[in-house]
């Protein structure tokens, strides 16, 4: 069964894309317009290459309504599913930027990570409106 081994909300995922540097983790998102951005990086491991695999990410607003869904992201199987008749298990790390999300009010926004339509975990981050001058 697939496992989610790490997850971080971060300021941006540029360091992930360039494969260098240090992430700046976020514990709160402060918004001063009607839109905001959210970046995540996570790792999924221990899934079989003998299956077609998908990943899906759903963002929920503070009222627990789905308001962004990546739909199915195909996870490539670039390696044979077995070696010497032993099943091969793999992992991947994914960085995702959610840009220009509509601000639906202050509160805890949630991110659900699903793999092959099975929920691996849900993570929450507070998003608050920052008044001008604060």
C-alpha atoms as a PDB file:
ATOM      1  CA  UNK A   1       0.000   0.000   0.000  1.00  0.00           C
ATOM      2  CA  UNK A   2       1.298   3.472  -0.909  1.00  0.00           C
ATOM      3  CA  UNK A   3       2.535   5.717   1.905  1.00  0.00           C
ATOM      4  CA  UNK A   4       2.825   9.481   2.149  1.00  0.00           C
ATOM      5  CA  UNK A   5       6.211   9.974   3.793  1.00  0.00           C
ATOM      6  CA  UNK A   6       6.488  13.768   3.918  1.00  0.00           C
ATOM      7  CA  UNK A   7       4.403  16.855   3.211  1.00  0.00           C
ATOM      8  CA  UNK A   8       5.181  20.551   3.505  1.00  0.00           C
ATOM      9  CA  UNK A   9       3.365  23.793   2.750  1.00  0.00           C
ATOM     10  CA  UNK A  10       6.027  26.159   1.452  1.00  0.00           C
ATOM     11  CA  UNK A  11       6.468  29.696   0.135  1.00  0.00           C
ATOM     12  CA  UNK A  12       7.356  28.351  -3.284  1.00  0.00           C
ATOM     13  CA  UNK A  13       8.576  25.155  -4.837  1.00  0.00           C
ATOM     14  CA  UNK A  14      11.341  26.701  -6.970  1.00  0.00           C
ATOM     15  CA  UNK A  15      14.030  24.995  -4.887  1.00  0.00           C
ATOM     16  CA  UNK A  16      12.352  21.666  -5.591  1.00  0.00           C
ATOM     17  CA  UNK A  17      12.283  22.357  -9.319  1.00  0.00           C
ATOM     18  CA  UNK A  18      15.935  23.428  -9.395  1.00  0.00           C
ATOM     19  CA  UNK A  19      16.916  20.507  -7.132  1.00  0.00           C
ATOM     20  CA  UNK A  20      18.874  22.768  -4.791  1.00  0.00           C
ATOM     21  CA  UNK A  21      18.350  25.054  -1.848  1.00  0.00           C
ATOM     22  CA  UNK A  22      16.217  24.954   1.259  1.00  0.00           C
ATOM     23  CA  UNK A  23      12.424  25.110   1.458  1.00  0.00           C
ATOM     24  CA  UNK A  24      10.785  27.843   3.482  1.00  0.00           C
ATOM     25  CA  UNK A  25       7.946  25.991   5.236  1.00  0.00           C
ATOM     26  CA  UNK A  26       4.749  27.864   5.983  1.00  0.00           C
ATOM     27  CA  UNK A  27       2.608  27.556   9.076  1.00  0.00           C
ATOM     28  CA  UNK A  28       0.133  30.274   7.989  1.00  0.00           C
ATOM     29  CA  UNK A  29      -0.814  32.023   4.734  1.00  0.00           C
ATOM     30  CA  UNK A  30      -1.513  35.738   4.961  1.00  0.00           C
ATOM     31  CA  UNK A  31      -3.696  37.186   2.195  1.00  0.00           C
ATOM     32  CA  UNK A  32      -4.159  40.850   1.307  1.00  0.00           C
ATOM     33  CA  UNK A  33      -6.123  40.464  -1.955  1.00  0.00           C
ATOM     34  CA  UNK A  34      -9.030  38.323  -3.123  1.00  0.00           C
ATOM     35  CA  UNK A  35      -6.624  35.619  -4.342  1.00  0.00           C
ATOM     36  CA  UNK A  36      -3.739  33.691  -2.842  1.00  0.00           C
ATOM     37  CA  UNK A  37      -1.209  31.047  -3.801  1.00  0.00           C
ATOM     38  CA  UNK A  38      -0.363  27.820  -2.058  1.00  0.00           C
ATOM     39  CA  UNK A  39       2.621  25.572  -2.704  1.00  0.00           C
ATOM     40  CA  UNK A  40       3.112  22.020  -1.497  1.00  0.00           C
ATOM     41  CA  UNK A  41       5.792  19.367  -1.787  1.00  0.00           C
ATOM     42  CA  UNK A  42       5.202  15.750  -0.786  1.00  0.00           C
ATOM     43  CA  UNK A  43       6.564  12.241  -1.293  1.00  0.00           C
ATOM     44  CA  UNK A  44       4.651   9.031  -1.958  1.00  0.00           C
ATOM     45  CA  UNK A  45       6.464   5.710  -1.772  1.00  0.00           C
ATOM     46  CA  UNK A  46       5.912   1.955  -1.639  1.00  0.00           C
ATOM     47  CA  UNK A  47       3.575   1.642  -4.589  1.00  0.00           C
ATOM     48  CA  UNK A  48       3.705  -1.129  -7.153  1.00  0.00           C
ATOM     49  CA  UNK A  49       4.817  -0.580 -10.714  1.00  0.00           C
ATOM     50  CA  UNK A  50       2.675  -3.518 -11.791  1.00  0.00           C
ATOM     51  CA  UNK A  51      -0.390  -1.236 -11.649  1.00  0.00           C
ATOM     52  CA  UNK A  52      -1.419   1.962 -13.419  1.00  0.00           C
ATOM     53  CA  UNK A  53      -1.079   4.591 -10.703  1.00  0.00           C
ATOM     54  CA  UNK A  54      -2.676   7.992 -10.261  1.00  0.00           C
ATOM     55  CA  UNK A  55      -2.313  10.827  -7.798  1.00  0.00           C
ATOM     56  CA  UNK A  56      -4.956  13.449  -7.063  1.00  0.00           C
ATOM     57  CA  UNK A  57      -4.953  16.570  -4.899  1.00  0.00           C
ATOM     58  CA  UNK A  58      -8.105  18.278  -3.632  1.00  0.00           C
ATOM     59  CA  UNK A  59      -8.063  21.692  -1.928  1.00  0.00           C
ATOM     60  CA  UNK A  60     -10.981  22.495   0.378  1.00  0.00           C
ATOM     61  CA  UNK A  61     -12.078  25.851   1.777  1.00  0.00           C
ATOM     62  CA  UNK A  62     -12.761  26.520   5.489  1.00  0.00           C
ATOM     63  CA  UNK A  63     -16.351  25.254   5.056  1.00  0.00           C
ATOM     64  CA  UNK A  64     -14.903  21.930   3.785  1.00  0.00           C
ATOM     65  CA  UNK A  65     -16.169  22.521   0.230  1.00  0.00           C
ATOM     66  CA  UNK A  66     -14.010  21.259  -2.633  1.00  0.00           C
ATOM     67  CA  UNK A  67     -12.819  24.282  -4.543  1.00  0.00           C
ATOM     68  CA  UNK A  68      -9.823  22.993  -6.481  1.00  0.00           C
ATOM     69  CA  UNK A  69      -9.197  19.487  -7.794  1.00  0.00           C
ATOM     70  CA  UNK A  70      -6.191  18.472  -9.885  1.00  0.00           C
ATOM     71  CA  UNK A  71      -8.175  15.541 -11.239  1.00  0.00           C
ATOM     72  CA  UNK A  72      -6.090  12.435 -11.957  1.00  0.00           C
ATOM     73  CA  UNK A  73      -2.353  12.877 -12.406  1.00  0.00           C
ATOM     74  CA  UNK A  74      -0.878   9.831 -14.127  1.00  0.00           C
ATOM     75  CA  UNK A  75       2.214   8.498 -12.338  1.00  0.00           C
ATOM     76  CA  UNK A  76       4.618   7.210 -14.999  1.00  0.00           C
ATOM     77  CA  UNK A  77       5.921   3.651 -14.775  1.00  0.00           C
ATOM     78  CA  UNK A  78       9.355   4.089 -16.347  1.00  0.00           C
ATOM     79  CA  UNK A  79      10.800   1.008 -14.652  1.00  0.00           C
ATOM     80  CA  UNK A  80       9.753  -2.594 -15.218  1.00  0.00           C
ATOM     81  CA  UNK A  81       7.235  -3.784 -12.630  1.00  0.00           C
ATOM     82  CA  UNK A  82       9.398  -6.712 -11.619  1.00  0.00           C
ATOM     83  CA  UNK A  83      13.055  -7.656 -11.612  1.00  0.00           C
ATOM     84  CA  UNK A  84      14.085 -11.277 -11.305  1.00  0.00           C
ATOM     85  CA  UNK A  85      10.406 -12.127 -10.648  1.00  0.00           C
ATOM     86  CA  UNK A  86      10.304  -9.810  -7.606  1.00  0.00           C
ATOM     87  CA  UNK A  87       7.838  -6.939  -7.592  1.00  0.00           C
ATOM     88  CA  UNK A  88       9.437  -3.467  -7.686  1.00  0.00           C
ATOM     89  CA  UNK A  89       8.113  -0.724  -5.410  1.00  0.00           C
ATOM     90  CA  UNK A  90       8.858   2.903  -6.177  1.00  0.00           C
ATOM     91  CA  UNK A  91       8.416   6.439  -4.893  1.00  0.00           C
ATOM     92  CA  UNK A  92       8.192   9.997  -6.159  1.00  0.00           C
ATOM     93  CA  UNK A  93       8.339  13.543  -4.839  1.00  0.00           C
ATOM     94  CA  UNK A  94       5.940  16.097  -6.316  1.00  0.00           C
ATOM     95  CA  UNK A  95       5.886  19.880  -6.025  1.00  0.00           C
ATOM     96  CA  UNK A  96       2.613  21.624  -6.850  1.00  0.00           C
ATOM     97  CA  UNK A  97       1.853  25.335  -7.059  1.00  0.00           C
ATOM     98  CA  UNK A  98      -1.752  26.457  -6.726  1.00  0.00           C
ATOM     99  CA  UNK A  99      -1.797  30.015  -8.028  1.00  0.00           C
ATOM    100  CA  UNK A 100      -4.578  32.613  -7.930  1.00  0.00           C
ATOM    101  CA  UNK A 101      -6.875  30.599  -5.688  1.00  0.00           C
ATOM    102  CA  UNK A 102      -9.988  32.580  -4.724  1.00  0.00           C
ATOM    103  CA  UNK A 103      -9.937  33.676  -1.076  1.00  0.00           C
ATOM    104  CA  UNK A 104     -13.078  32.152   0.479  1.00  0.00           C
ATOM    105  CA  UNK A 105     -12.618  33.680   3.922  1.00  0.00           C
ATOM    106  CA  UNK A 106     -10.269  33.205   6.847  1.00  0.00           C
ATOM    107  CA  UNK A 107      -9.952  29.764   8.357  1.00  0.00           C
ATOM    108  CA  UNK A 108      -8.283  26.403   7.863  1.00  0.00           C
ATOM    109  CA  UNK A 109      -7.927  25.305   4.236  1.00  0.00           C
ATOM    110  CA  UNK A 110      -7.326  21.602   3.649  1.00  0.00           C
ATOM    111  CA  UNK A 111      -5.319  19.642   1.118  1.00  0.00           C
ATOM    112  CA  UNK A 112      -6.200  15.983   0.558  1.00  0.00           C
ATOM    113  CA  UNK A 113      -3.669  13.730  -1.141  1.00  0.00           C
ATOM    114  CA  UNK A 114      -5.120  10.658  -2.854  1.00  0.00           C
ATOM    115  CA  UNK A 115      -3.250   7.843  -4.547  1.00  0.00           C
ATOM    116  CA  UNK A 116      -5.223   5.461  -6.740  1.00  0.00           C
ATOM    117  CA  UNK A 117      -8.343   7.137  -5.289  1.00  0.00           C
ATOM    118  CA  UNK A 118      -7.382   6.151  -1.727  1.00  0.00           C
ATOM    119  CA  UNK A 119      -6.944   9.089   0.640  1.00  0.00           C
ATOM    120  CA  UNK A 120      -3.425   9.001   2.061  1.00  0.00           C
ATOM    121  CA  UNK A 121      -3.827  12.011   4.346  1.00  0.00           C
ATOM    122  CA  UNK A 122      -5.337  15.469   4.802  1.00  0.00           C
ATOM    123  CA  UNK A 123      -3.293  18.515   5.802  1.00  0.00           C
ATOM    124  CA  UNK A 124      -4.588  21.856   7.101  1.00  0.00           C
ATOM    125  CA  UNK A 125      -3.170  25.365   6.974  1.00  0.00           C
ATOM    126  CA  UNK A 126      -4.673  28.572   8.356  1.00  0.00           C
ATOM    127  CA  UNK A 127      -5.294  31.298   5.793  1.00  0.00           C
ATOM    128  CA  UNK A 128      -6.044  34.744   7.149  1.00  0.00           C
ATOM    129  CA  UNK A 129      -6.766  38.143   5.648  1.00  0.00           C
ATOM    130  CA  UNK A 130      -4.045  40.661   6.432  1.00  0.00           C
ATOM    131  CA  UNK A 131      -5.391  44.196   6.551  1.00  0.00           C
ATOM    132  CA  UNK A 132      -3.372  46.864   4.787  1.00  0.00           C
ATOM    133  CA  UNK A 133      -0.738  48.290   7.103  1.00  0.00           C
ATOM    134  CA  UNK A 134      -0.496  45.201   9.339  1.00  0.00           C
END
